[in-house]
Amino acid sequence: VHGDIYEGDWENDIANGRGKFKDISGMEYDGQWKNDMQHGYGTEKWPDGANYKGEYLNGMKNGKGKFDWADGSWYEGNFVDNMLEGIGFYHWRDNRTCLLYTSDAADDTPCV
């Protein structure tokens, strides 16, 4: 897409290894790539101030990571296919924190 920028390792004309990507909307990713997808450890930042630091698998957040929302709240724990999944901590911007457990991506256990 015009306006997107990738700087980093290439193999067979696709991103493989370490690299930085910035799309036209201002989203940035810095980390590992495999077969032109985020794969391994990386950081992702959005123009609104949200960011993610953690593990990726085949272009999706998978494994351990921390997501910070622009409003100051954050989640640190496990991700599966870009969803909060398993055990993690959710922290609201008013400093409340809870242990969050989700056994299924469609069945988030609420924190109150």
PDB file of N, CA and C in Angstrom:
ATOM      1  N   VAL A   1       0.855  -1.170   0.000  1.00  0.00           N
ATOM      2  CA  VAL A   1       0.000   0.000   0.000  1.00  0.00           C
ATOM      3  C   VAL A   1       0.904   1.238   0.000  1.00  0.00           C
ATOM      4  N   HIS A   2       0.553   2.229  -0.781  1.00  0.00           N
ATOM      5  CA  HIS A   2       1.359   3.446  -0.870  1.00  0.00           C
ATOM      6  C   HIS A   2       1.383   4.172   0.464  1.00  0.00           C
ATOM      7  N   GLY A   3       2.578   4.580   0.864  1.00  0.00           N
ATOM      8  CA  GLY A   3       2.739   5.285   2.124  1.00  0.00           C
ATOM      9  C   GLY A   3       3.238   4.405   3.254  1.00  0.00           C
ATOM     10  N   ASP A   4       3.127   3.091   3.140  1.00  0.00           N
ATOM     11  CA  ASP A   4       3.644   2.175   4.156  1.00  0.00           C
ATOM     12  C   ASP A   4       5.154   2.050   3.984  1.00  0.00           C
ATOM     13  N   ILE A   5       5.871   1.904   5.107  1.00  0.00           N
ATOM     14  CA  ILE A   5       7.331   1.818   5.062  1.00  0.00           C
ATOM     15  C   ILE A   5       7.788   0.604   5.867  1.00  0.00           C
ATOM     16  N   TYR A   6       8.652  -0.208   5.269  1.00  0.00           N
ATOM     17  CA  TYR A   6       9.306  -1.310   5.979  1.00  0.00           C
ATOM     18  C   TYR A   6      10.800  -1.145   5.835  1.00  0.00           C
ATOM     19  N   GLU A   7      11.509  -1.230   6.953  1.00  0.00           N
ATOM     20  CA  GLU A   7      12.967  -1.221   6.957  1.00  0.00           C
ATOM     21  C   GLU A   7      13.430  -2.399   7.782  1.00  0.00           C
ATOM     22  N   GLY A   8      14.210  -3.272   7.182  1.00  0.00           N
ATOM     23  CA  GLY A   8      14.707  -4.409   7.937  1.00  0.00           C
ATOM     24  C   GLY A   8      15.149  -5.541   7.042  1.00  0.00           C
ATOM     25  N   ASP A   9      15.194  -6.729   7.638  1.00  0.00           N
ATOM     26  CA  ASP A   9      15.682  -7.915   6.952  1.00  0.00           C
ATOM     27  C   ASP A   9      14.662  -8.423   5.944  1.00  0.00           C
ATOM     28  N   TRP A  10      15.179  -8.857   4.787  1.00  0.00           N
ATOM     29  CA  TRP A  10      14.366  -9.426   3.715  1.00  0.00           C
ATOM     30  C   TRP A  10      14.917 -10.800   3.348  1.00  0.00           C
ATOM     31  N   GLU A  11      14.023 -11.668   2.966  1.00  0.00           N
ATOM     32  CA  GLU A  11      14.411 -12.979   2.437  1.00  0.00           C
ATOM     33  C   GLU A  11      13.352 -13.377   1.414  1.00  0.00           C
ATOM     34  N   ASN A  12      13.777 -13.687   0.207  1.00  0.00           N
ATOM     35  CA  ASN A  12      12.850 -14.059  -0.874  1.00  0.00           C
ATOM     36  C   ASN A  12      11.778 -12.995  -1.099  1.00  0.00           C
ATOM     37  N   ASP A  13      12.182 -11.736  -1.061  1.00  0.00           N
ATOM     38  CA  ASP A  13      11.300 -10.591  -1.317  1.00  0.00           C
ATOM     39  C   ASP A  13      10.198 -10.379  -0.285  1.00  0.00           C
ATOM     40  N   ILE A  14      10.344 -10.937   0.922  1.00  0.00           N
ATOM     41  CA  ILE A  14       9.384 -10.693   1.994  1.00  0.00           C
ATOM     42  C   ILE A  14      10.131 -10.426   3.300  1.00  0.00           C
ATOM     43  N   ALA A  15       9.442  -9.790   4.237  1.00  0.00           N
ATOM     44  CA  ALA A  15      10.041  -9.481   5.533  1.00  0.00           C
ATOM     45  C   ALA A  15      10.311 -10.772   6.305  1.00  0.00           C
ATOM     46  N   ASN A  16      11.564 -10.967   6.683  1.00  0.00           N
ATOM     47  CA  ASN A  16      11.996 -12.111   7.486  1.00  0.00           C
ATOM     48  C   ASN A  16      13.159 -11.663   8.350  1.00  0.00           C
ATOM     49  N   GLY A  17      13.050 -11.857   9.661  1.00  0.00           N
ATOM     50  CA  GLY A  17      14.092 -11.420  10.580  1.00  0.00           C
ATOM     51  C   GLY A  17      13.621 -10.232  11.384  1.00  0.00           C
ATOM     52  N   ARG A  18      14.500  -9.268  11.577  1.00  0.00           N
ATOM     53  CA  ARG A  18      14.181  -8.078  12.375  1.00  0.00           C
ATOM     54  C   ARG A  18      13.827  -6.935  11.443  1.00  0.00           C
ATOM     55  N   GLY A  19      12.776  -6.168  11.805  1.00  0.00           N
ATOM     56  CA  GLY A  19      12.416  -5.040  10.971  1.00  0.00           C
ATOM     57  C   GLY A  19      11.438  -4.099  11.629  1.00  0.00           C
ATOM     58  N   LYS A  20      11.304  -2.919  11.018  1.00  0.00           N
ATOM     59  CA  LYS A  20      10.375  -1.887  11.474  1.00  0.00           C
ATOM     60  C   LYS A  20       9.390  -1.598  10.350  1.00  0.00           C
ATOM     61  N   PHE A  21       8.129  -1.438  10.736  1.00  0.00           N
ATOM     62  CA  PHE A  21       7.069  -1.158   9.770  1.00  0.00           C
ATOM     63  C   PHE A  21       6.237   0.001  10.284  1.00  0.00           C
ATOM     64  N   LYS A  22       5.869   0.903   9.373  1.00  0.00           N
ATOM     65  CA  LYS A  22       4.957   1.996   9.714  1.00  0.00           C
ATOM     66  C   LYS A  22       3.948   2.105   8.578  1.00  0.00           C
ATOM     67  N   ASP A  23       2.649   2.062   8.947  1.00  0.00           N
ATOM     68  CA  ASP A  23       1.631   2.173   7.894  1.00  0.00           C
ATOM     69  C   ASP A  23       1.161   3.617   7.771  1.00  0.00           C
ATOM     70  N   ILE A  24       0.390   3.861   6.759  1.00  0.00           N
ATOM     71  CA  ILE A  24      -0.051   5.216   6.426  1.00  0.00           C
ATOM     72  C   ILE A  24      -0.890   5.849   7.545  1.00  0.00           C
ATOM     73  N   SER A  25      -1.521   5.028   8.393  1.00  0.00           N
ATOM     74  CA  SER A  25      -2.332   5.561   9.497  1.00  0.00           C
ATOM     75  C   SER A  25      -1.472   5.993  10.681  1.00  0.00           C
ATOM     76  N   GLY A  26      -0.177   5.594  10.681  1.00  0.00           N
ATOM     77  CA  GLY A  26       0.719   5.941  11.781  1.00  0.00           C
ATOM     78  C   GLY A  26       1.009   4.801  12.729  1.00  0.00           C
ATOM     79  N   MET A  27       0.393   3.626  12.534  1.00  0.00           N
ATOM     80  CA  MET A  27       0.698   2.451  13.357  1.00  0.00           C
ATOM     81  C   MET A  27       2.135   2.027  13.054  1.00  0.00           C
ATOM     82  N   GLU A  28       2.876   1.692  14.134  1.00  0.00           N
ATOM     83  CA  GLU A  28       4.259   1.256  13.981  1.00  0.00           C
ATOM     84  C   GLU A  28       4.470  -0.096  14.655  1.00  0.00           C
ATOM     85  N   TYR A  29       5.259  -0.936  14.005  1.00  0.00           N
ATOM     86  CA  TYR A  29       5.665  -2.221  14.588  1.00  0.00           C
ATOM     87  C   TYR A  29       7.177  -2.320  14.460  1.00  0.00           C
ATOM     88  N   ASP A  30       7.817  -2.748  15.541  1.00  0.00           N
ATOM     89  CA  ASP A  30       9.265  -2.957  15.561  1.00  0.00           C
ATOM     90  C   ASP A  30       9.507  -4.311  16.205  1.00  0.00           C
ATOM     91  N   GLY A  31      10.045  -5.245  15.439  1.00  0.00           N
ATOM     92  CA  GLY A  31      10.287  -6.556  16.015  1.00  0.00           C
ATOM     93  C   GLY A  31      10.613  -7.607  14.986  1.00  0.00           C
ATOM     94  N   GLN A  32      10.294  -8.831  15.337  1.00  0.00           N
ATOM     95  CA  GLN A  32      10.608  -9.994  14.513  1.00  0.00           C
ATOM     96  C   GLN A  32       9.534 -10.233  13.452  1.00  0.00           C
ATOM     97  N   TRP A  33       9.972 -10.726  12.306  1.00  0.00           N
ATOM     98  CA  TRP A  33       9.098 -11.054  11.180  1.00  0.00           C
ATOM     99  C   TRP A  33       9.409 -12.448  10.679  1.00  0.00           C
ATOM    100  N   LYS A  34       8.387 -13.122  10.192  1.00  0.00           N
ATOM    101  CA  LYS A  34       8.567 -14.415   9.529  1.00  0.00           C
ATOM    102  C   LYS A  34       7.515 -14.517   8.431  1.00  0.00           C
ATOM    103  N   ASN A  35       7.955 -14.783   7.231  1.00  0.00           N
ATOM    104  CA  ASN A  35       7.047 -14.906   6.084  1.00  0.00           C
ATOM    105  C   ASN A  35       6.120 -13.709   5.936  1.00  0.00           C
ATOM    106  N   ASP A  36       6.688 -12.505   6.117  1.00  0.00           N
ATOM    107  CA  ASP A  36       5.974 -11.243   5.942  1.00  0.00           C
ATOM    108  C   ASP A  36       4.918 -10.977   7.015  1.00  0.00           C
ATOM    109  N   MET A  37       5.031 -11.659   8.170  1.00  0.00           N
ATOM    110  CA  MET A  37       4.090 -11.456   9.281  1.00  0.00           C
ATOM    111  C   MET A  37       4.861 -11.218  10.571  1.00  0.00           C
ATOM    112  N   GLN A  38       4.245 -10.486  11.488  1.00  0.00           N
ATOM    113  CA  GLN A  38       4.814 -10.317  12.819  1.00  0.00           C
ATOM    114  C   GLN A  38       4.914 -11.708  13.443  1.00  0.00           C
ATOM    115  N   HIS A  39       6.112 -12.034  13.936  1.00  0.00           N
ATOM    116  CA  HIS A  39       6.331 -13.392  14.450  1.00  0.00           C
ATOM    117  C   HIS A  39       7.534 -13.360  15.380  1.00  0.00           C
ATOM    118  N   GLY A  40       7.314 -13.659  16.657  1.00  0.00           N
ATOM    119  CA  GLY A  40       8.365 -13.536  17.660  1.00  0.00           C
ATOM    120  C   GLY A  40       8.026 -12.375  18.575  1.00  0.00           C
ATOM    121  N   TYR A  41       9.031 -11.696  19.099  1.00  0.00           N
ATOM    122  CA  TYR A  41       8.793 -10.580  20.008  1.00  0.00           C
ATOM    123  C   TYR A  41       8.762  -9.272  19.230  1.00  0.00           C
ATOM    124  N   GLY A  42       7.843  -8.382  19.628  1.00  0.00           N
ATOM    125  CA  GLY A  42       7.787  -7.077  18.989  1.00  0.00           C
ATOM    126  C   GLY A  42       6.996  -6.075  19.792  1.00  0.00           C
ATOM    127  N   THR A  43       7.050  -4.833  19.343  1.00  0.00           N
ATOM    128  CA  THR A  43       6.271  -3.753  19.937  1.00  0.00           C
ATOM    129  C   THR A  43       5.438  -3.091  18.836  1.00  0.00           C
ATOM    130  N   GLU A  44       4.214  -2.757  19.186  1.00  0.00           N
ATOM    131  CA  GLU A  44       3.306  -2.124  18.243  1.00  0.00           C
ATOM    132  C   GLU A  44       2.745  -0.874  18.907  1.00  0.00           C
ATOM    133  N   LYS A  45       2.716   0.236  18.168  1.00  0.00           N
ATOM    134  CA  LYS A  45       2.226   1.515  18.701  1.00  0.00           C
ATOM    135  C   LYS A  45       1.223   2.101  17.725  1.00  0.00           C
ATOM    136  N   TRP A  46       0.175   2.713  18.287  1.00  0.00           N
ATOM    137  CA  TRP A  46      -0.865   3.347  17.488  1.00  0.00           C
ATOM    138  C   TRP A  46      -0.849   4.848  17.726  1.00  0.00           C
ATOM    139  N   PRO A  47      -1.343   5.637  16.764  1.00  0.00           N
ATOM    140  CA  PRO A  47      -1.336   7.097  16.897  1.00  0.00           C
ATOM    141  C   PRO A  47      -2.088   7.628  18.122  1.00  0.00           C
ATOM    142  N   ASP A  48      -3.079   6.890  18.634  1.00  0.00           N
ATOM    143  CA  ASP A  48      -3.844   7.360  19.793  1.00  0.00           C
ATOM    144  C   ASP A  48      -3.108   7.175  21.113  1.00  0.00           C
ATOM    145  N   GLY A  49      -1.913   6.552  21.076  1.00  0.00           N
ATOM    146  CA  GLY A  49      -1.125   6.334  22.285  1.00  0.00           C
ATOM    147  C   GLY A  49      -1.172   4.918  22.812  1.00  0.00           C
ATOM    148  N   ALA A  50      -2.038   4.076  22.293  1.00  0.00           N
ATOM    149  CA  ALA A  50      -2.080   2.668  22.706  1.00  0.00           C
ATOM    150  C   ALA A  50      -0.821   1.953  22.209  1.00  0.00           C
ATOM    151  N   ASN A  51      -0.406   0.920  22.940  1.00  0.00           N
ATOM    152  CA  ASN A  51       0.743   0.140  22.497  1.00  0.00           C
ATOM    153  C   ASN A  51       0.695  -1.269  23.061  1.00  0.00           C
ATOM    154  N   TYR A  52       1.406  -2.155  22.384  1.00  0.00           N
ATOM    155  CA  TYR A  52       1.515  -3.556  22.799  1.00  0.00           C
ATOM    156  C   TYR A  52       2.979  -3.951  22.729  1.00  0.00           C
ATOM    157  N   LYS A  53       3.431  -4.684  23.751  1.00  0.00           N
ATOM    158  CA  LYS A  53       4.777  -5.260  23.769  1.00  0.00           C
ATOM    159  C   LYS A  53       4.616  -6.717  24.127  1.00  0.00           C
ATOM    160  N   GLY A  54       5.093  -7.593  23.253  1.00  0.00           N
ATOM    161  CA  GLY A  54       4.978  -9.002  23.571  1.00  0.00           C
ATOM    162  C   GLY A  54       5.209  -9.903  22.386  1.00  0.00           C
ATOM    163  N   GLU A  55       4.634 -11.089  22.500  1.00  0.00           N
ATOM    164  CA  GLU A  55       4.863 -12.148  21.531  1.00  0.00           C
ATOM    165  C   GLU A  55       3.798 -12.169  20.439  1.00  0.00           C
ATOM    166  N   TYR A  56       4.249 -12.531  19.236  1.00  0.00           N
ATOM    167  CA  TYR A  56       3.378 -12.673  18.063  1.00  0.00           C
ATOM    168  C   TYR A  56       3.594 -14.053  17.461  1.00  0.00           C
ATOM    169  N   LEU A  57       2.568 -14.554  16.834  1.00  0.00           N
ATOM    170  CA  LEU A  57       2.642 -15.809  16.096  1.00  0.00           C
ATOM    171  C   LEU A  57       1.817 -15.641  14.829  1.00  0.00           C
ATOM    172  N   ASN A  58       2.459 -15.777  13.687  1.00  0.00           N
ATOM    173  CA  ASN A  58       1.776 -15.676  12.394  1.00  0.00           C
ATOM    174  C   ASN A  58       0.927 -14.414  12.257  1.00  0.00           C
ATOM    175  N   GLY A  59       1.484 -13.282  12.677  1.00  0.00           N
ATOM    176  CA  GLY A  59       0.820 -12.001  12.487  1.00  0.00           C
ATOM    177  C   GLY A  59      -0.175 -11.604  13.554  1.00  0.00           C
ATOM    178  N   MET A  60      -0.322 -12.416  14.606  1.00  0.00           N
ATOM    179  CA  MET A  60      -1.296 -12.120  15.655  1.00  0.00           C
ATOM    180  C   MET A  60      -0.627 -12.144  17.027  1.00  0.00           C
ATOM    181  N   LYS A  61      -1.194 -11.383  17.953  1.00  0.00           N
ATOM    182  CA  LYS A  61      -0.702 -11.400  19.329  1.00  0.00           C
ATOM    183  C   LYS A  61      -1.005 -12.774  19.911  1.00  0.00           C
ATOM    184  N   ASN A  62       0.041 -13.488  20.294  1.00  0.00           N
ATOM    185  CA  ASN A  62      -0.086 -14.833  20.867  1.00  0.00           C
ATOM    186  C   ASN A  62       1.024 -15.030  21.875  1.00  0.00           C
ATOM    187  N   GLY A  63       0.671 -15.460  23.077  1.00  0.00           N
ATOM    188  CA  GLY A  63       1.662 -15.652  24.130  1.00  0.00           C
ATOM    189  C   GLY A  63       1.586 -14.531  25.139  1.00  0.00           C
ATOM    190  N   LYS A  64       2.693 -14.277  25.802  1.00  0.00           N
ATOM    191  CA  LYS A  64       2.741 -13.259  26.856  1.00  0.00           C
ATOM    192  C   LYS A  64       2.909 -11.876  26.254  1.00  0.00           C
ATOM    193  N   GLY A  65       2.200 -10.915  26.844  1.00  0.00           N
ATOM    194  CA  GLY A  65       2.338  -9.549  26.377  1.00  0.00           C
ATOM    195  C   GLY A  65       1.652  -8.561  27.288  1.00  0.00           C
ATOM    196  N   LYS A  66       1.884  -7.287  26.988  1.00  0.00           N
ATOM    197  CA  LYS A  66       1.239  -6.206  27.735  1.00  0.00           C
ATOM    198  C   LYS A  66       0.653  -5.225  26.733  1.00  0.00           C
ATOM    199  N   PHE A  67      -0.644  -4.922  26.910  1.00  0.00           N
ATOM    200  CA  PHE A  67      -1.337  -3.952  26.077  1.00  0.00           C
ATOM    201  C   PHE A  67      -1.701  -2.761  26.940  1.00  0.00           C
ATOM    202  N   ASP A  68      -1.259  -1.579  26.514  1.00  0.00           N
ATOM    203  CA  ASP A  68      -1.596  -0.329  27.194  1.00  0.00           C
ATOM    204  C   ASP A  68      -2.578   0.444  26.327  1.00  0.00           C
ATOM    205  N   TRP A  69      -3.767   0.754  26.881  1.00  0.00           N
ATOM    206  CA  TRP A  69      -4.739   1.561  26.162  1.00  0.00           C
ATOM    207  C   TRP A  69      -4.408   3.038  26.334  1.00  0.00           C
ATOM    208  N   ALA A  70      -4.888   3.855  25.427  1.00  0.00           N
ATOM    209  CA  ALA A  70      -4.621   5.289  25.455  1.00  0.00           C
ATOM    210  C   ALA A  70      -5.172   5.969  26.702  1.00  0.00           C
ATOM    211  N   ASP A  71      -6.211   5.380  27.326  1.00  0.00           N
ATOM    212  CA  ASP A  71      -6.813   5.994  28.521  1.00  0.00           C
ATOM    213  C   ASP A  71      -6.027   5.705  29.804  1.00  0.00           C
ATOM    214  N   GLY A  72      -4.929   4.956  29.702  1.00  0.00           N
ATOM    215  CA  GLY A  72      -4.102   4.650  30.870  1.00  0.00           C
ATOM    216  C   GLY A  72      -4.347   3.286  31.478  1.00  0.00           C
ATOM    217  N   SER A  73      -5.381   2.587  31.061  1.00  0.00           N
ATOM    218  CA  SER A  73      -5.603   1.227  31.559  1.00  0.00           C
ATOM    219  C   SER A  73      -4.680   0.269  30.798  1.00  0.00           C
ATOM    220  N   TRP A  74      -4.425  -0.899  31.402  1.00  0.00           N
ATOM    221  CA  TRP A  74      -3.569  -1.874  30.740  1.00  0.00           C
ATOM    222  C   TRP A  74      -3.928  -3.295  31.143  1.00  0.00           C
ATOM    223  N   TYR A  75      -3.499  -4.226  30.309  1.00  0.00           N
ATOM    224  CA  TYR A  75      -3.640  -5.658  30.563  1.00  0.00           C
ATOM    225  C   TYR A  75      -2.276  -6.281  30.344  1.00  0.00           C
ATOM    226  N   GLU A  76      -1.884  -7.161  31.281  1.00  0.00           N
ATOM    227  CA  GLU A  76      -0.637  -7.912  31.125  1.00  0.00           C
ATOM    228  C   GLU A  76      -0.941  -9.366  31.393  1.00  0.00           C
ATOM    229  N   GLY A  77      -0.652 -10.199  30.417  1.00  0.00           N
ATOM    230  CA  GLY A  77      -0.939 -11.612  30.558  1.00  0.00           C
ATOM    231  C   GLY A  77      -0.862 -12.332  29.222  1.00  0.00           C
ATOM    232  N   ASN A  78      -1.738 -13.301  29.061  1.00  0.00           N
ATOM    233  CA  ASN A  78      -1.704 -14.144  27.877  1.00  0.00           C
ATOM    234  C   ASN A  78      -2.678 -13.662  26.803  1.00  0.00           C
ATOM    235  N   PHE A  79      -2.257 -13.830  25.554  1.00  0.00           N
ATOM    236  CA  PHE A  79      -3.067 -13.513  24.376  1.00  0.00           C
ATOM    237  C   PHE A  79      -3.131 -14.742  23.484  1.00  0.00           C
ATOM    238  N   VAL A  80      -4.272 -14.951  22.850  1.00  0.00           N
ATOM    239  CA  VAL A  80      -4.433 -15.978  21.825  1.00  0.00           C
ATOM    240  C   VAL A  80      -5.186 -15.340  20.663  1.00  0.00           C
ATOM    241  N   ASP A  81      -4.580 -15.353  19.491  1.00  0.00           N
ATOM    242  CA  ASP A  81      -5.204 -14.788  18.285  1.00  0.00           C
ATOM    243  C   ASP A  81      -5.750 -13.383  18.517  1.00  0.00           C
ATOM    244  N   ASN A  82      -4.925 -12.532  19.100  1.00  0.00           N
ATOM    245  CA  ASN A  82      -5.225 -11.115  19.370  1.00  0.00           C
ATOM    246  C   ASN A  82      -6.227 -10.882  20.496  1.00  0.00           C
ATOM    247  N   MET A  83      -6.669 -11.921  21.168  1.00  0.00           N
ATOM    248  CA  MET A  83      -7.655 -11.783  22.241  1.00  0.00           C
ATOM    249  C   MET A  83      -6.991 -12.016  23.606  1.00  0.00           C
ATOM    250  N   LEU A  84      -7.517 -11.351  24.646  1.00  0.00           N
ATOM    251  CA  LEU A  84      -7.098 -11.643  26.013  1.00  0.00           C
ATOM    252  C   LEU A  84      -7.548 -13.061  26.307  1.00  0.00           C
ATOM    253  N   GLU A  85      -6.630 -13.917  26.687  1.00  0.00           N
ATOM    254  CA  GLU A  85      -6.980 -15.337  26.853  1.00  0.00           C
ATOM    255  C   GLU A  85      -6.099 -15.954  27.920  1.00  0.00           C
ATOM    256  N   GLY A  86      -6.721 -16.609  28.883  1.00  0.00           N
ATOM    257  CA  GLY A  86      -5.961 -17.250  29.951  1.00  0.00           C
ATOM    258  C   GLY A  86      -5.903 -16.364  31.168  1.00  0.00           C
ATOM    259  N   ILE A  87      -4.754 -16.333  31.819  1.00  0.00           N
ATOM    260  CA  ILE A  87      -4.600 -15.568  33.054  1.00  0.00           C
ATOM    261  C   ILE A  87      -3.829 -14.291  32.782  1.00  0.00           C
ATOM    262  N   GLY A  88      -4.324 -13.207  33.356  1.00  0.00           N
ATOM    263  CA  GLY A  88      -3.641 -11.927  33.221  1.00  0.00           C
ATOM    264  C   GLY A  88      -4.176 -10.929  34.224  1.00  0.00           C
ATOM    265  N   PHE A  89      -3.536  -9.789  34.288  1.00  0.00           N
ATOM    266  CA  PHE A  89      -3.963  -8.712  35.175  1.00  0.00           C
ATOM    267  C   PHE A  89      -4.495  -7.563  34.346  1.00  0.00           C
ATOM    268  N   TYR A  90      -5.666  -7.051  34.761  1.00  0.00           N
ATOM    269  CA  TYR A  90      -6.242  -5.875  34.128  1.00  0.00           C
ATOM    270  C   TYR A  90      -6.163  -4.739  35.145  1.00  0.00           C
ATOM    271  N   HIS A  91      -5.650  -3.606  34.698  1.00  0.00           N
ATOM    272  CA  HIS A  91      -5.469  -2.450  35.571  1.00  0.00           C
ATOM    273  C   HIS A  91      -6.194  -1.254  34.953  1.00  0.00           C
ATOM    274  N   TRP A  92      -7.138  -0.697  35.728  1.00  0.00           N
ATOM    275  CA  TRP A  92      -7.856   0.484  35.269  1.00  0.00           C
ATOM    276  C   TRP A  92      -7.029   1.725  35.551  1.00  0.00           C
ATOM    277  N   ARG A  93      -7.343   2.814  34.874  1.00  0.00           N
ATOM    278  CA  ARG A  93      -6.597   4.054  35.076  1.00  0.00           C
ATOM    279  C   ARG A  93      -6.819   4.653  36.457  1.00  0.00           C
ATOM    280  N   ASP A  94      -7.885   4.237  37.176  1.00  0.00           N
ATOM    281  CA  ASP A  94      -8.117   4.726  38.542  1.00  0.00           C
ATOM    282  C   ASP A  94      -7.396   3.858  39.576  1.00  0.00           C
ATOM    283  N   ASN A  95      -6.465   3.008  39.115  1.00  0.00           N
ATOM    284  CA  ASN A  95      -5.579   2.168  39.930  1.00  0.00           C
ATOM    285  C   ASN A  95      -6.221   0.906  40.492  1.00  0.00           C
ATOM    286  N   ARG A  96      -7.448   0.577  40.095  1.00  0.00           N
ATOM    287  CA  ARG A  96      -7.986  -0.735  40.466  1.00  0.00           C
ATOM    288  C   ARG A  96      -7.305  -1.779  39.593  1.00  0.00           C
ATOM    289  N   THR A  97      -7.013  -2.931  40.177  1.00  0.00           N
ATOM    290  CA  THR A  97      -6.395  -4.031  39.444  1.00  0.00           C
ATOM    291  C   THR A  97      -7.112  -5.314  39.809  1.00  0.00           C
ATOM    292  N   CYS A  98      -7.269  -6.198  38.830  1.00  0.00           N
ATOM    293  CA  CYS A  98      -7.846  -7.490  39.152  1.00  0.00           C
ATOM    294  C   CYS A  98      -7.159  -8.582  38.338  1.00  0.00           C
ATOM    295  N   LEU A  99      -7.272  -9.784  38.851  1.00  0.00           N
ATOM    296  CA  LEU A  99      -6.805 -10.960  38.137  1.00  0.00           C
ATOM    297  C   LEU A  99      -7.913 -11.364  37.186  1.00  0.00           C
ATOM    298  N   LEU A 100      -7.595 -11.432  35.926  1.00  0.00           N
ATOM    299  CA  LEU A 100      -8.575 -11.772  34.894  1.00  0.00           C
ATOM    300  C   LEU A 100      -8.262 -13.166  34.389  1.00  0.00           C
ATOM    301  N   TYR A 101      -9.282 -14.000  34.321  1.00  0.00           N
ATOM    302  CA  TYR A 101      -9.114 -15.327  33.748  1.00  0.00           C
ATOM    303  C   TYR A 101     -10.176 -15.532  32.688  1.00  0.00           C
ATOM    304  N   THR A 102      -9.746 -15.868  31.494  1.00  0.00           N
ATOM    305  CA  THR A 102     -10.700 -16.203  30.442  1.00  0.00           C
ATOM    306  C   THR A 102     -10.357 -17.584  29.938  1.00  0.00           C
ATOM    307  N   SER A 103     -11.343 -18.450  29.913  1.00  0.00           N
ATOM    308  CA  SER A 103     -11.124 -19.816  29.442  1.00  0.00           C
ATOM    309  C   SER A 103     -11.443 -19.957  27.972  1.00  0.00           C
ATOM    310  N   ASP A 104     -12.072 -18.935  27.431  1.00  0.00           N
ATOM    311  CA  ASP A 104     -12.502 -18.973  26.041  1.00  0.00           C
ATOM    312  C   ASP A 104     -12.569 -17.518  25.572  1.00  0.00           C
ATOM    313  N   ALA A 105     -12.073 -17.228  24.381  1.00  0.00           N
ATOM    314  CA  ALA A 105     -12.043 -15.850  23.882  1.00  0.00           C
ATOM    315  C   ALA A 105     -13.433 -15.216  23.859  1.00  0.00           C
ATOM    316  N   ALA A 106     -14.480 -16.006  23.742  1.00  0.00           N
ATOM    317  CA  ALA A 106     -15.831 -15.460  23.684  1.00  0.00           C
ATOM    318  C   ALA A 106     -16.459 -15.331  25.074  1.00  0.00           C
ATOM    319  N   ASP A 107     -15.747 -15.762  26.117  1.00  0.00           N
ATOM    320  CA  ASP A 107     -16.320 -15.795  27.469  1.00  0.00           C
ATOM    321  C   ASP A 107     -15.389 -15.071  28.437  1.00  0.00           C
ATOM    322  N   ASP A 108     -15.248 -13.748  28.282  1.00  0.00           N
ATOM    323  CA  ASP A 108     -14.399 -12.987  29.190  1.00  0.00           C
ATOM    324  C   ASP A 108     -15.052 -12.907  30.557  1.00  0.00           C
ATOM    325  N   THR A 109     -14.290 -13.205  31.584  1.00  0.00           N
ATOM    326  CA  THR A 109     -14.757 -13.076  32.956  1.00  0.00           C
ATOM    327  C   THR A 109     -14.627 -11.625  33.367  1.00  0.00           C
ATOM    328  N   PRO A 110     -15.703 -10.976  33.805  1.00  0.00           N
ATOM    329  CA  PRO A 110     -15.610  -9.552  34.131  1.00  0.00           C
ATOM    330  C   PRO A 110     -14.828  -9.293  35.408  1.00  0.00           C
ATOM    331  N   CYS A 111     -14.112  -8.211  35.423  1.00  0.00           N
ATOM    332  CA  CYS A 111     -13.441  -7.729  36.617  1.00  0.00           C
ATOM    333  C   CYS A 111     -14.263  -6.568  37.155  1.00  0.00           C
ATOM    334  N   VAL A 112     -14.490  -6.562  38.436  1.00  0.00           N
ATOM    335  CA  VAL A 112     -15.256  -5.466  39.034  1.00  0.00           C
ATOM    336  C   VAL A 112     -14.510  -4.892  40.221  1.00  0.00           C
TER     337      VAL A 112
END
